Amino acid sequence: LLSSTIEGGINAIDAVVVGTYDAGVPIVNTIELKVPLKFAQELLLTDRISRIVVQLNDIEATRVALPAIKNIVGDKGVRTWYELAPYFHAVEGIYYTIFTVMGIIILIVALLSVSNVMGASVNERIPEIGTLRAFGIAKKYLKLNFMLEGLIVGSIGSIIGVVLGLGLALIINQSG
């Protein structure tokens, strides 16, 4: 390995690669390296430590680990990954905007589809509506009939959609 020392010089050291890992971000894969502390200090020609990074398997474990780490090293300079990730904040904002716009578009399409289906249902049943009106059924009861039909069909469709959506989300999350 070849690196600049903390004083600006160049130092090289032999190393044996025991494995690789994917950080999930291509640029990070090209610049990040995990080595034992003594090895890094020898490469940088120092005995000091400027930063300690604690990696956890679960983001939720941060809430438990952070107070313990602060008890060990003190509160000074202890920050979470979220505080150190401006790139993450930018991507999170962009995704929020994209998903909001897509959600609005999907909602509009769904509303137009439902109104189209209900309009077609009413148009197909004009003879039935005429017959019911001839028997003396009030308009408000006919409207109520269509509203209840729409409510039932919409509720069933919503339940099926939520179940399928949660199932698909679970499958996607489990697939890694």
Protein backbone atom coordinates (compact mmCIF):
# COMPACT_ATOMS: atom_id res chain seq x y z
CA LEU A 1 0.00 0.00 0.00
CA LEU A 2 1.17 3.52 -0.82
CA SER A 3 -0.07 6.52 1.16
CA SER A 4 0.76 10.04 2.24
CA THR A 5 1.90 10.29 5.85
CA ILE A 6 0.37 12.78 8.24
CA GLU A 7 3.35 15.08 7.62
CA GLY A 8 2.87 14.97 3.84
CA GLY A 9 5.59 12.44 2.97
CA ILE A 10 5.05 9.17 1.12
CA ASN A 11 5.21 5.77 2.75
CA ALA A 12 4.67 2.28 1.38
CA ILE A 13 4.07 -0.95 3.21
CA ASP A 14 3.51 -4.57 2.13
CA ALA A 15 0.08 -6.00 2.83
CA VAL A 16 -1.81 -9.21 2.25
CA VAL A 17 -5.41 -8.75 1.04
CA VAL A 18 -7.70 -11.09 2.96
CA GLY A 19 -10.99 -10.02 1.40
CA THR A 20 -13.01 -7.33 -0.28
CA TYR A 21 -16.36 -5.76 0.44
CA ASP A 22 -18.90 -3.63 -1.33
CA ALA A 23 -19.81 -0.37 0.45
CA GLY A 24 -22.78 0.08 -1.89
CA VAL A 25 -21.41 3.30 -3.38
CA PRO A 26 -18.93 2.87 -6.26
CA ILE A 27 -16.79 5.91 -5.38
CA VAL A 28 -16.47 4.71 -1.77
CA ASN A 29 -15.33 1.31 -3.04
CA THR A 30 -12.37 2.98 -4.76
CA ILE A 31 -11.16 4.99 -1.74
CA GLU A 32 -12.12 3.08 1.39
CA LEU A 33 -9.85 0.51 2.99
CA LYS A 34 -10.19 -1.44 6.23
CA VAL A 35 -6.96 -2.32 8.00
CA PRO A 36 -5.92 -3.03 11.58
CA LEU A 37 -5.15 0.11 13.63
CA LYS A 38 -1.44 -0.69 14.13
CA PHE A 39 -1.08 -1.25 10.38
CA ALA A 40 -2.69 2.12 9.57
CA GLN A 41 -0.50 3.90 12.13
CA GLU A 42 2.61 2.30 10.63
CA LEU A 43 1.54 3.33 7.12
CA LEU A 44 0.82 6.93 8.16
CA LEU A 45 3.91 7.09 10.43
CA THR A 46 2.02 8.11 13.55
CA ASP A 47 0.87 6.73 16.88
CA ARG A 48 -2.18 8.97 17.05
CA ILE A 49 -5.83 8.25 16.21
CA SER A 50 -7.87 10.98 14.52
CA ARG A 51 -11.16 9.13 14.07
CA ILE A 52 -12.75 5.90 15.22
CA VAL A 53 -15.61 4.55 13.15
CA VAL A 54 -17.96 2.01 14.68
CA GLN A 55 -19.93 -0.01 12.15
CA LEU A 56 -23.05 -1.84 13.27
CA ASN A 57 -25.08 -4.49 11.47
CA ASP A 58 -28.36 -2.71 12.16
CA ILE A 59 -29.13 1.03 11.92
CA GLU A 60 -31.51 0.74 14.87
CA ALA A 61 -28.58 -0.46 17.02
CA THR A 62 -27.18 3.09 16.82
CA ARG A 63 -29.68 4.25 19.46
CA VAL A 64 -28.35 1.64 21.87
CA ALA A 65 -24.66 1.93 20.98
CA LEU A 66 -24.37 5.74 20.88
CA PRO A 67 -24.83 6.36 24.63
CA ALA A 68 -22.41 3.51 25.42
CA ILE A 69 -19.78 4.96 23.09
CA LYS A 70 -20.25 8.44 24.57
CA ASN A 71 -19.71 6.96 28.05
CA ILE A 72 -16.43 5.41 26.92
CA VAL A 73 -14.88 8.26 24.90
CA GLY A 74 -16.86 11.25 26.16
CA ASP A 75 -19.39 13.36 24.29
CA LYS A 76 -16.79 15.38 22.41
CA GLY A 77 -16.77 14.72 18.67
CA VAL A 78 -19.11 11.70 18.74
CA ARG A 79 -21.42 11.90 15.74
CA THR A 80 -23.73 9.47 14.01
CA TRP A 81 -23.39 8.40 10.39
CA TYR A 82 -26.44 10.48 9.57
CA GLU A 83 -24.71 13.66 10.78
CA LEU A 84 -21.64 12.84 8.67
CA ALA A 85 -23.49 12.05 5.43
CA PRO A 86 -24.30 15.16 3.37
CA TYR A 87 -24.58 12.96 0.27
CA PHE A 88 -27.25 10.88 2.02
CA HIS A 89 -29.24 14.02 2.91
CA ALA A 90 -29.17 15.19 -0.72
CA VAL A 91 -30.23 11.79 -2.07
CA GLU A 92 -32.94 11.51 0.58
CA GLY A 93 -34.35 14.90 -0.47
CA ILE A 94 -34.31 13.98 -4.15
CA TYR A 95 -36.02 10.63 -3.48
CA TYR A 96 -38.65 12.32 -1.31
CA THR A 97 -39.45 14.74 -4.14
CA ILE A 98 -39.52 12.00 -6.79
CA PHE A 99 -41.74 9.70 -4.73
CA THR A 100 -44.10 12.55 -3.83
CA VAL A 101 -44.56 13.52 -7.49
CA MET A 102 -44.96 9.87 -8.52
CA GLY A 103 -47.47 9.32 -5.71
CA ILE A 104 -49.55 12.29 -6.85
CA ILE A 105 -49.48 11.06 -10.47
CA ILE A 106 -50.49 7.52 -9.40
CA LEU A 107 -53.29 8.92 -7.22
CA ILE A 108 -54.65 10.99 -10.12
CA VAL A 109 -54.52 7.99 -12.48
CA ALA A 110 -56.27 5.82 -9.88
CA LEU A 111 -59.00 8.41 -9.32
CA LEU A 112 -59.56 8.79 -13.06
CA SER A 113 -59.70 5.00 -13.46
CA VAL A 114 -62.23 4.60 -10.66
CA SER A 115 -64.42 7.41 -12.00
CA ASN A 116 -64.24 5.86 -15.49
CA VAL A 117 -65.24 2.44 -14.17
CA MET A 118 -68.11 3.88 -12.12
CA GLY A 119 -69.28 5.99 -15.09
CA ALA A 120 -69.24 2.92 -17.33
CA SER A 121 -71.14 0.98 -14.66
CA VAL A 122 -73.85 3.64 -14.53
CA ASN A 123 -74.09 3.86 -18.35
CA GLU A 124 -74.40 0.09 -18.71
CA ARG A 125 -77.23 -0.01 -16.18
CA ILE A 126 -79.43 2.73 -17.66
CA PRO A 127 -82.26 0.28 -18.44
CA GLU A 128 -82.06 -1.08 -14.87
CA ILE A 129 -82.13 2.47 -13.47
CA GLY A 130 -85.15 3.28 -15.66
CA THR A 131 -87.00 0.21 -14.45
CA LEU A 132 -86.28 1.00 -10.80
CA ARG A 133 -87.40 4.61 -11.30
CA ALA A 134 -90.60 3.33 -12.96
CA PHE A 135 -91.28 1.28 -9.80
CA GLY A 136 -91.00 4.51 -7.79
CA ILE A 137 -87.51 4.19 -6.29
CA ALA A 138 -86.26 7.68 -5.35
CA LYS A 139 -83.14 9.12 -7.00
CA LYS A 140 -81.37 9.38 -3.65
CA TYR A 141 -81.69 5.61 -3.10
CA LEU A 142 -80.30 4.92 -6.58
CA LYS A 143 -77.36 7.22 -5.85
CA LEU A 144 -76.89 5.51 -2.49
CA ASN A 145 -76.88 2.13 -4.25
CA PHE A 146 -74.07 3.22 -6.60
CA MET A 147 -72.15 4.86 -3.76
CA LEU A 148 -72.33 1.68 -1.65
CA GLU A 149 -71.31 -0.42 -4.64
CA GLY A 150 -68.34 1.87 -5.23
CA LEU A 151 -67.43 1.79 -1.54
CA ILE A 152 -67.52 -2.00 -1.41
CA VAL A 153 -65.56 -2.49 -4.64
CA GLY A 154 -63.07 0.24 -3.60
CA SER A 155 -62.60 -1.26 -0.14
CA ILE A 156 -61.98 -4.74 -1.52
CA GLY A 157 -59.59 -3.34 -4.11
CA SER A 158 -57.77 -1.30 -1.46
CA ILE A 159 -57.36 -4.28 0.84
CA ILE A 160 -56.06 -6.44 -1.99
CA GLY A 161 -53.72 -3.63 -3.07
CA VAL A 162 -52.33 -3.12 0.43
CA VAL A 163 -51.81 -6.87 0.94
CA LEU A 164 -50.09 -7.23 -2.45
CA GLY A 165 -48.01 -4.09 -1.82
CA LEU A 166 -46.85 -5.26 1.61
CA GLY A 167 -46.12 -8.72 0.25
CA LEU A 168 -44.10 -7.31 -2.62
CA ALA A 169 -42.23 -4.96 -0.26
CA LEU A 170 -41.42 -7.89 2.01
CA ILE A 171 -40.15 -9.97 -0.91
CA ILE A 172 -38.02 -7.09 -2.22
CA ASN A 173 -36.59 -6.35 1.25
CA GLN A 174 -35.80 -10.01 1.88
CA SER A 175 -34.06 -10.35 -1.49
CA GLY A 176 -31.42 -7.81 -0.43
